[in-house]
Protein backbone atom coordinates (compact mmCIF):
# COMPACT_ATOMS: atom_id res chain seq x y z
CA MET A 1 35.67 8.28 27.85
CA SER A 2 32.36 6.03 27.28
CA LEU A 3 29.22 7.66 25.84
CA PRO A 4 26.26 8.03 28.46
CA GLU A 5 23.51 5.10 28.02
CA THR A 6 20.76 6.39 25.94
CA THR A 7 17.30 6.78 27.93
CA HIS A 8 13.90 7.46 26.73
CA SER A 9 14.09 11.04 28.51
CA THR A 10 16.86 12.04 26.11
CA ILE A 11 14.45 11.68 23.13
CA SER A 12 11.25 13.76 21.83
CA GLN A 13 7.81 11.65 22.71
CA ARG A 14 7.71 11.03 19.23
CA ALA A 15 11.07 9.60 19.03
CA GLN A 16 9.92 7.39 21.87
CA SER A 17 6.66 6.41 19.86
CA ALA A 18 8.90 5.46 16.93
CA LEU A 19 11.40 3.04 19.42
CA VAL A 20 8.58 1.45 20.78
CA ALA A 21 7.07 0.50 17.48
CA GLY A 22 10.26 -0.54 15.74
CA SER A 23 10.96 -2.90 18.83
CA LYS A 24 7.57 -4.74 17.96
CA ASN A 25 8.50 -5.11 14.23
CA LEU A 26 8.95 -8.54 13.54
CA MET A 27 9.47 -7.81 9.54
CA TRP A 28 13.13 -7.47 9.71
CA ASP A 29 13.86 -10.23 11.65
CA VAL A 30 11.96 -12.17 8.98
CA MET A 31 13.63 -10.64 6.12
CA ASN A 32 16.77 -11.48 7.46
CA ASP A 33 16.12 -15.01 7.77
CA LEU A 34 14.21 -16.34 4.72
CA TRP A 35 13.21 -19.89 4.08
CA CYS A 36 15.31 -21.62 1.26
CA GLU A 37 14.81 -25.58 0.88
CA LYS A 38 18.37 -26.03 -0.02
CA THR A 39 20.22 -23.17 2.13
CA ASN A 40 18.06 -22.61 5.05
CA PRO A 41 15.31 -24.88 5.35
CA ASN A 42 14.60 -23.46 9.14
CA GLY A 43 14.01 -20.05 7.99
CA TYR A 44 10.66 -17.85 7.68
CA VAL A 45 8.47 -18.20 4.78
CA ASN A 46 7.40 -14.71 3.79
CA VAL A 47 4.02 -14.19 2.65
CA GLY A 48 3.35 -11.22 4.78
CA VAL A 49 5.54 -8.43 3.09
CA ALA A 50 4.03 -6.58 -0.13
CA GLU A 51 6.88 -7.93 -2.45
CA ASN A 52 6.25 -9.13 -6.12
CA VAL A 53 9.06 -11.48 -6.93
CA LEU A 54 7.44 -12.89 -10.16
CA MET A 55 8.98 -10.47 -12.52
CA HIS A 56 12.43 -9.95 -10.85
CA ASP A 57 14.63 -11.80 -13.51
CA HIS A 58 12.51 -10.14 -16.62
CA LEU A 59 13.18 -6.70 -14.83
CA LEU A 60 16.84 -7.58 -14.17
CA SER A 61 17.58 -8.47 -17.69
CA PHE A 62 16.35 -5.42 -19.15
CA ILE A 63 18.05 -3.19 -16.28
CA ASN A 64 21.73 -4.92 -17.12
CA ARG A 65 21.41 -4.65 -20.89
CA GLN A 66 20.65 -1.03 -20.46
CA LEU A 67 23.42 -0.21 -17.33
CA ASP A 68 25.60 2.82 -18.53
CA LEU A 69 25.64 5.17 -15.85
CA PRO A 70 26.76 8.85 -16.44
CA ALA A 71 29.02 11.09 -14.26
CA LYS A 72 25.97 13.16 -13.43
CA LEU A 73 24.54 10.58 -11.23
CA LEU A 74 27.08 11.14 -8.72
CA THR A 75 26.37 14.48 -8.31
CA TYR A 76 23.26 16.06 -6.54
CA ASN A 77 21.59 15.75 -9.98
CA ASP A 78 18.69 18.19 -10.59
CA GLY A 79 17.66 18.46 -7.10
CA PRO A 80 15.74 16.91 -4.30
CA THR A 81 12.05 16.96 -6.35
CA GLY A 82 13.22 14.80 -9.06
CA SER A 83 15.37 15.19 -11.96
CA GLY A 84 13.68 16.96 -15.57
CA ARG A 85 14.29 13.45 -17.23
CA VAL A 86 12.27 11.44 -14.50
CA LYS A 87 9.61 13.52 -14.07
CA ARG A 88 9.22 13.62 -18.14
CA ALA A 89 9.31 9.85 -18.14
CA VAL A 90 6.88 9.54 -15.25
CA SER A 91 4.54 11.92 -16.32
CA ALA A 92 4.45 10.00 -19.97
CA PHE A 93 3.92 6.83 -18.58
CA VAL A 94 0.78 8.22 -16.47
CA ASN A 95 -0.69 9.75 -19.32
CA ARG A 96 -0.14 6.35 -21.54
CA HIS A 97 -1.55 4.03 -18.86
CA PHE A 98 -3.82 6.02 -16.21
CA ARG A 99 -5.75 8.02 -18.84
CA PRO A 100 -6.24 11.42 -17.07
CA PHE A 101 -8.88 13.92 -17.87
CA HIS A 102 -6.23 16.48 -18.28
CA PRO A 103 -2.27 15.18 -19.48
CA VAL A 104 -0.28 15.19 -16.32
CA GLU A 105 2.87 17.58 -16.65
CA PRO A 106 6.27 17.17 -15.19
CA SER A 107 5.47 20.45 -13.19
CA HIS A 108 2.81 18.41 -11.59
CA LEU A 109 5.28 15.90 -9.88
CA PHE A 110 7.25 15.89 -7.14
CA ILE A 111 9.25 12.78 -6.79
CA THR A 112 10.06 11.13 -3.41
CA ASN A 113 12.31 7.97 -2.22
CA GLY A 114 8.89 5.95 -1.96
CA VAL A 115 5.01 6.13 -1.38
CA SER A 116 5.48 5.97 1.98
CA SER A 117 7.56 9.22 1.98
CA ALA A 118 4.79 10.85 -0.36
CA ILE A 119 2.10 10.17 1.98
CA GLU A 120 3.91 11.49 5.07
CA HIS A 121 4.70 14.63 2.83
CA VAL A 122 0.96 14.99 2.00
CA SER A 123 0.20 14.76 5.61
CA TRP A 124 2.75 17.30 6.68
CA ALA A 125 1.52 19.95 4.22
CA ILE A 126 -2.54 19.37 4.77
CA THR A 127 -2.79 19.04 8.52
CA GLU A 128 -1.36 21.07 11.66
CA PRO A 129 -0.61 18.54 14.44
CA GLY A 130 -3.92 17.04 16.20
CA GLU A 131 -5.95 17.69 12.75
CA ALA A 132 -7.36 14.35 11.41
CA ILE A 133 -7.34 12.03 8.12
CA LEU A 134 -10.01 9.60 7.50
CA LEU A 135 -9.27 6.08 6.56
CA GLY A 136 -11.17 3.12 5.91
CA ARG A 137 -10.89 -0.16 7.91
CA PRO A 138 -9.03 -2.63 6.77
CA TYR A 139 -6.34 -0.23 5.93
CA TYR A 140 -2.55 -1.03 5.04
CA GLY A 141 -1.09 -0.91 8.29
CA THR A 142 1.90 1.50 7.88
CA PHE A 143 -0.60 4.17 6.54
CA ILE A 144 -0.63 4.81 10.67
CA PRO A 145 2.85 6.13 10.92
CA ASP A 146 3.25 7.42 7.64
CA ILE A 147 0.22 9.84 8.28
CA SER A 148 0.77 10.70 11.90
CA LEU A 149 4.12 9.39 13.57
CA ARG A 150 6.22 12.69 12.33
CA PRO A 151 3.45 14.87 10.86
CA GLY A 152 1.33 14.65 14.15
CA ALA A 153 -1.74 14.19 12.57
CA THR A 154 -4.50 11.76 13.83
CA VAL A 155 -5.76 8.98 11.86
CA ILE A 156 -9.59 8.62 12.23
CA PRO A 157 -10.13 4.70 11.15
CA VAL A 158 -13.61 4.49 9.60
CA SER A 159 -15.73 1.31 10.41
CA PHE A 160 -18.42 -0.13 7.94
CA ASP A 161 -19.97 -2.94 10.12
CA ASP A 162 -21.61 -5.21 7.42
CA CYS A 163 -21.45 -2.31 4.76
CA ASP A 164 -19.49 -3.06 1.57
CA PRO A 165 -16.60 -0.40 1.93
CA PHE A 166 -16.59 -0.03 -1.83
CA SER A 167 -20.29 0.85 -1.93
CA LEU A 168 -22.11 4.60 -2.21
CA GLU A 169 -23.64 3.29 1.24
CA ALA A 170 -20.16 3.54 2.83
CA VAL A 171 -19.83 7.22 1.77
CA GLN A 172 -21.86 8.32 4.97
CA LYS A 173 -19.71 6.03 7.49
CA TYR A 174 -16.94 8.52 6.33
CA GLU A 175 -19.26 11.38 6.92
CA GLN A 176 -20.26 10.01 10.19
CA ALA A 177 -17.01 9.43 11.45
CA LEU A 178 -15.83 12.98 10.42
CA LEU A 179 -18.92 14.27 12.44
CA SER A 180 -18.20 12.34 15.44
CA PHE A 181 -14.34 13.26 15.57
CA GLN A 182 -15.17 17.08 15.18
CA GLU A 183 -17.74 17.27 17.75
CA THR A 184 -15.70 15.25 20.30
CA THR A 185 -12.40 17.10 19.71
CA GLY A 186 -13.38 20.49 18.08
CA ARG A 187 -10.36 19.65 15.58
CA LYS A 188 -10.52 19.68 11.89
CA VAL A 189 -10.58 16.73 9.46
CA LYS A 190 -8.18 17.64 6.80
CA GLY A 191 -7.93 14.71 4.15
CA LEU A 192 -9.58 11.32 3.03
CA ALA A 193 -7.16 8.91 2.06
CA LEU A 194 -7.87 5.68 -0.22
CA CYS A 195 -5.40 2.80 -1.22
CA HIS A 196 -6.98 2.25 -4.72
CA PRO A 197 -6.72 -0.47 -5.62
CA HIS A 198 -7.22 -1.45 -1.80
CA ASN A 199 -4.39 -3.00 0.04
CA PRO A 200 -5.43 -5.56 1.70
CA LEU A 201 -8.88 -6.55 0.00
CA GLY A 202 -7.34 -6.20 -3.48
CA ARG A 203 -10.59 -4.48 -4.86
CA CYS A 204 -10.90 -1.23 -6.97
CA TYR A 205 -13.31 1.46 -5.98
CA PRO A 206 -16.26 2.04 -8.74
CA ARG A 207 -16.31 5.29 -10.34
CA ASP A 208 -19.37 6.53 -8.88
CA VAL A 209 -17.97 5.78 -5.33
CA LEU A 210 -14.96 7.79 -6.04
CA LEU A 211 -16.98 10.68 -7.23
CA LYS A 212 -19.26 10.74 -4.18
CA LEU A 213 -16.00 10.71 -1.83
CA MET A 214 -15.00 13.48 -3.45
CA GLU A 215 -18.10 15.17 -3.17
CA LEU A 216 -17.63 14.96 0.49
CA CYS A 217 -14.67 16.08 0.69
CA GLN A 218 -15.94 19.23 -1.26
CA LYS A 219 -18.49 19.66 1.09
CA TYR A 220 -16.12 19.60 3.89
CA GLN A 221 -13.14 21.22 2.38
CA MET A 222 -10.77 17.84 2.83
CA HIS A 223 -8.14 16.66 0.71
CA PHE A 224 -8.70 13.72 -1.40
CA ILE A 225 -5.80 11.47 -1.26
CA SER A 226 -5.67 8.67 -3.53
CA ASP A 227 -2.89 6.01 -3.52
CA GLU A 228 -2.79 4.25 -6.44
CA ILE A 229 0.61 2.39 -6.04
CA TYR A 230 -1.39 -1.01 -7.32
CA ALA A 231 -2.51 0.71 -10.10
CA LEU A 232 -1.42 -1.46 -13.30
CA SER A 233 -1.38 -5.06 -10.80
CA VAL A 234 -4.93 -5.32 -12.19
CA TRP A 235 -5.87 -8.73 -13.62
CA LYS A 236 -8.51 -11.42 -14.58
CA ASN A 237 -10.03 -12.93 -11.57
CA THR A 238 -10.92 -16.32 -12.89
CA VAL A 239 -12.51 -18.16 -9.93
CA ASP A 240 -14.73 -16.04 -7.92
CA GLU A 241 -18.17 -15.57 -8.96
CA SER A 242 -19.16 -12.57 -6.69
CA PRO A 243 -18.63 -9.73 -6.11
CA LYS A 244 -18.16 -9.05 -9.88
CA PRO A 245 -14.77 -7.30 -10.11
CA VAL A 246 -14.60 -3.69 -11.10
CA ASP A 247 -12.11 -2.15 -13.36
CA PHE A 248 -9.50 0.13 -12.16
CA GLU A 249 -10.28 3.85 -13.12
CA SER A 250 -7.77 6.58 -11.69
CA ALA A 251 -8.66 9.44 -9.97
CA LEU A 252 -6.87 11.40 -12.70
CA SER A 253 -9.08 10.25 -15.16
CA LEU A 254 -12.49 11.59 -13.64
CA ASP A 255 -13.42 15.13 -14.67
CA LEU A 256 -13.58 16.79 -11.76
CA THR A 257 -16.00 19.61 -12.95
CA GLY A 258 -18.97 20.61 -10.18
CA ILE A 259 -17.81 17.59 -7.94
CA ILE A 260 -14.61 18.79 -6.05
CA ASP A 261 -11.92 21.80 -6.40
CA PRO A 262 -9.06 20.19 -7.97
CA GLN A 263 -6.71 21.79 -5.63
CA LEU A 264 -7.90 19.27 -3.10
CA VAL A 265 -6.73 16.15 -5.06
CA HIS A 266 -3.70 14.33 -5.01
CA VAL A 267 -2.59 11.06 -6.56
CA LEU A 268 0.35 9.03 -5.45
CA TRP A 269 2.04 5.97 -7.21
CA GLY A 270 5.46 4.54 -7.45
CA VAL A 271 7.48 1.80 -8.99
CA SER A 272 7.59 -0.69 -5.78
CA LYS A 273 4.40 -2.63 -6.21
CA ASP A 274 3.62 -2.64 -10.26
CA PHE A 275 7.21 -3.11 -11.00
CA GLY A 276 7.95 -5.44 -8.42
CA ALA A 277 10.97 -2.85 -7.43
CA ASN A 278 10.94 -1.84 -3.48
CA GLY A 279 14.52 -1.38 -3.35
CA LEU A 280 14.56 1.42 -6.22
CA ARG A 281 12.68 3.43 -3.81
CA LEU A 282 11.19 5.98 -6.18
CA GLY A 283 7.40 7.45 -5.58
CA VAL A 284 5.42 10.27 -7.16
CA ILE A 285 3.06 13.01 -5.84
CA ILE A 286 0.70 13.99 -8.66
CA SER A 287 -0.74 17.28 -7.82
CA GLN A 288 -2.39 18.75 -11.13
CA ALA A 289 -3.94 22.04 -9.52
CA ASN A 290 -1.98 22.60 -5.96
CA ARG A 291 0.90 24.73 -6.92
CA ASP A 292 1.06 25.75 -3.11
CA ILE A 293 1.55 22.33 -1.78
CA LEU A 294 4.39 21.39 -4.28
CA ALA A 295 6.01 24.33 -3.72
CA ALA A 296 5.88 24.17 0.24
CA LEU A 297 7.06 20.59 -0.42
CA ARG A 298 10.16 21.59 -2.19
CA ASN A 299 11.77 22.95 1.23
CA VAL A 300 11.31 19.74 2.84
CA GLY A 301 12.30 17.68 -0.46
CA LEU A 302 15.71 16.88 0.66
CA TYR A 303 15.03 14.49 3.10
CA SER A 304 13.12 12.48 0.36
CA TYR A 305 15.57 12.87 -2.13
CA VAL A 306 16.08 10.03 -4.52
CA SER A 307 19.14 8.19 -5.62
CA GLY A 308 20.30 9.72 -8.85
CA VAL A 309 20.53 5.74 -9.88
CA SER A 310 17.37 5.07 -8.84
CA GLU A 311 15.96 8.29 -11.13
CA TYR A 312 18.15 7.15 -14.01
CA LEU A 313 16.94 3.56 -14.27
CA VAL A 314 13.52 4.62 -13.79
CA ALA A 315 13.32 6.91 -16.44
CA LEU A 316 15.29 4.22 -18.67
CA LEU A 317 12.65 1.98 -17.74
CA LEU A 318 9.15 4.21 -18.26
CA GLU A 319 10.78 5.48 -21.55
CA ASP A 320 10.47 2.29 -22.94
CA VAL A 321 6.75 1.62 -24.01
CA ASN A 322 7.28 -1.94 -25.54
CA PHE A 323 9.20 -3.39 -22.64
CA THR A 324 6.64 -1.62 -20.24
CA ASP A 325 3.46 -2.61 -22.06
CA GLU A 326 4.77 -6.20 -22.50
CA TYR A 327 5.98 -6.46 -18.85
CA ILE A 328 2.47 -5.23 -17.35
CA ARG A 329 0.68 -7.72 -19.85
CA LEU A 330 3.01 -10.67 -18.26
CA ASN A 331 2.95 -9.32 -14.70
CA ARG A 332 -1.12 -9.53 -14.97
CA GLU A 333 -1.12 -12.81 -16.31
CA LYS A 334 1.05 -14.38 -13.66
CA LEU A 335 -0.80 -12.47 -10.95
CA SER A 336 -4.11 -14.14 -12.02
CA GLU A 337 -2.50 -17.50 -12.05
CA ASN A 338 -1.23 -17.23 -8.72
CA TYR A 339 -4.42 -15.72 -7.21
CA SER A 340 -6.41 -19.02 -8.60
CA PHE A 341 -3.43 -21.17 -7.33
CA VAL A 342 -3.64 -20.16 -3.83
CA VAL A 343 -7.55 -19.81 -3.74
CA GLN A 344 -7.68 -23.49 -4.75
CA GLN A 345 -5.36 -24.32 -1.83
CA LEU A 346 -7.36 -22.38 0.54
CA LYS A 347 -10.70 -23.96 -0.64
CA SER A 348 -9.33 -27.30 -0.15
CA ASN A 349 -8.57 -26.56 3.55
CA GLY A 350 -11.64 -25.04 3.93
CA ILE A 351 -10.28 -21.49 4.58
CA GLU A 352 -12.55 -18.65 4.18
CA TYR A 353 -11.41 -15.84 2.22
CA SER A 354 -12.79 -12.45 0.97
CA THR A 355 -13.64 -12.98 -2.65
CA GLY A 356 -13.91 -10.73 -5.60
CA ALA A 357 -10.37 -9.28 -6.04
CA ASN A 358 -8.72 -8.80 -8.95
CA ALA A 359 -5.81 -6.01 -8.21
CA ALA A 360 -2.49 -5.92 -6.13
CA PHE A 361 -1.30 -9.79 -4.44
CA PHE A 362 -3.35 -10.07 -1.71
CA ILE A 363 -6.03 -12.35 -0.35
CA TRP A 364 -7.88 -11.59 2.78
CA MET A 365 -8.30 -14.74 4.60
CA ASN A 366 -9.94 -15.77 8.19
CA LEU A 367 -7.93 -18.04 9.56
CA GLY A 368 -9.85 -17.63 13.06
CA LYS A 369 -12.78 -19.32 11.91
CA LYS A 370 -10.73 -22.46 10.84
CA TYR A 371 -9.21 -22.30 14.05
CA HIS A 372 -12.33 -22.40 15.77
CA GLU A 373 -13.24 -25.29 13.62
CA LEU A 374 -9.99 -27.25 14.41
CA HIS A 375 -10.40 -26.48 18.09
CA PRO A 376 -14.06 -26.75 19.38
CA GLU A 377 -13.17 -26.35 22.90
CA VAL A 378 -12.44 -22.90 22.07
CA LYS A 379 -15.58 -20.48 22.95
CA ASP A 380 -17.00 -19.22 19.41
CA ASP A 381 -16.93 -15.74 20.54
CA GLU A 382 -13.31 -15.62 21.73
CA ASP A 383 -10.58 -13.81 19.57
CA VAL A 384 -7.92 -15.96 18.54
CA SER A 385 -5.95 -13.72 16.65
CA GLU A 386 -3.24 -13.18 18.83
CA THR A 387 -3.04 -17.05 19.67
CA VAL A 388 -3.20 -17.94 15.70
CA MET A 389 0.02 -15.30 15.22
CA ASP A 390 1.93 -16.86 18.04
CA LEU A 391 1.26 -20.42 16.09
CA LEU A 392 2.20 -19.30 12.64
CA LEU A 393 5.39 -17.99 14.04
CA GLN A 394 6.19 -20.92 15.91
CA LYS A 395 5.95 -22.62 12.48
CA LYS A 396 8.14 -19.91 10.60
CA VAL A 397 5.69 -18.66 8.55
CA PHE A 398 4.93 -14.71 8.39
CA LEU A 399 1.53 -13.25 7.50
CA ALA A 400 0.11 -9.48 7.88
CA SER A 401 -2.32 -9.49 11.09
CA GLY A 402 -5.49 -8.18 10.50
CA SER A 403 -5.03 -6.53 14.22
CA LEU A 404 -2.48 -4.48 12.54
CA PHE A 405 -4.72 -3.47 9.50
CA GLY A 406 -7.79 -2.30 11.31
CA SER A 407 -9.84 -5.25 10.74
CA GLU A 408 -13.20 -4.72 11.91
CA ARG A 409 -13.23 -8.39 13.07
CA GLY A 410 -10.70 -10.75 14.82
CA GLY A 411 -9.16 -13.73 12.78
CA TRP A 412 -8.28 -12.09 9.40
CA TYR A 413 -4.82 -11.88 7.98
CA ARG A 414 -3.23 -10.94 4.23
CA ILE A 415 -1.53 -13.18 2.21
CA VAL A 416 0.78 -12.06 -0.35
CA PHE A 417 0.64 -14.54 -3.36
CA SER A 418 3.28 -12.87 -5.59
CA GLN A 419 5.75 -15.74 -4.98
CA PRO A 420 6.57 -18.67 -6.85
CA GLN A 421 3.99 -21.33 -6.68
CA GLU A 422 6.34 -23.89 -4.56
CA TYR A 423 6.86 -21.12 -2.17
CA LEU A 424 3.33 -20.42 -1.70
CA SER A 425 2.54 -24.61 -1.34
CA GLU A 426 5.18 -24.54 1.48
CA ALA A 427 3.18 -21.41 3.22
CA VAL A 428 -0.05 -23.00 3.36
CA ARG A 429 1.55 -26.22 4.51
CA ARG A 430 2.99 -24.35 7.40
CA ILE A 431 -0.48 -22.27 7.82
CA MET A 432 -2.43 -25.67 8.11
CA ALA A 433 0.17 -27.07 10.70
CA ALA A 434 0.15 -24.07 12.59
CA LEU A 435 -3.92 -24.04 12.85
CA GLU A 436 -3.91 -27.75 13.79
CA ALA A 437 -1.18 -27.24 16.51
């Protein structure tokens, strides 16, 4: 007897939304058809997915030297919220590199299978369906489903117009968006989420701006959520004159006295970006003063259970202070070199980009403007984002489109520069071929 064909009526509205979203997602098609000059010359050049491959050999060499798995990893280990060993390793590592005002303890941590799960967990814990979380534009595109798809929360994109989103003036934009939402819907705004350092702009929030945003959260009793997944991928910008890059300071490092109730502050981190290990799937929620949230999450921790092998490998890694210090130093050097390499290529081709980055592995660039220059027959006010994206895909180069990142202006794209330089050269060559088509 054959099974009945699945129809949209057999699944929930949320599942239908996920089905529609998934059908439009090119990323996995791209990832399964990657360019290699020798073995797959017609494949995609992928500079759209946030992966850092520059230190893979270095990290694999360390892991393969250390690998001796104990039998306990074939059990449920210490439970779904993280093993005692990995919590001790993460807390010691964070205390060394994030310089928290109050030391982070293992009891402050909730371990997840990646920071996407961490974001979703926090959204679920602080909102009722329909309540909202503020998110400045442009934003990391997957924040939207992480925050809203299963928790049922509403994302309020915050527009800045000509205001620098990293400035004190930007704080009032968040408040305006909050008040507008509450007046229009009558529903509460329960949180403000930052990617710090920022994805896709590659900049860090200044200390005074972080404190002012925290004061705003205190005023309206919102949770302050700082996603610091790129915290240690901060490097020296040797090519841009302005704006002056800002050093990274973790939300954990700030004295919250008289600023915000510590129960409202949550920091997220993971090994995917700073250690180029997206596949290990390990993230962490750090909530130093809100035991209720951590207790509530224990009841759903089963659904973000980290593999015992991943926990073991991450603990081994973070416990080795000499290796991690050297790894972070080398990674920063390579990111700085690659940023300069791609910027010079963009400049030589007359492509505008957002200057002043010093963190993560992105350049935010204006391909729409270049397309208009090459095609004067196109009206100046016409948004060519979809046209450019179609041409890029025809040339088998994959970028992250600004339209999916809440860009306030059309034509902007994110290029990932944490790939070998010959790979990046091929990417820029194809980008120019697409724009000239």
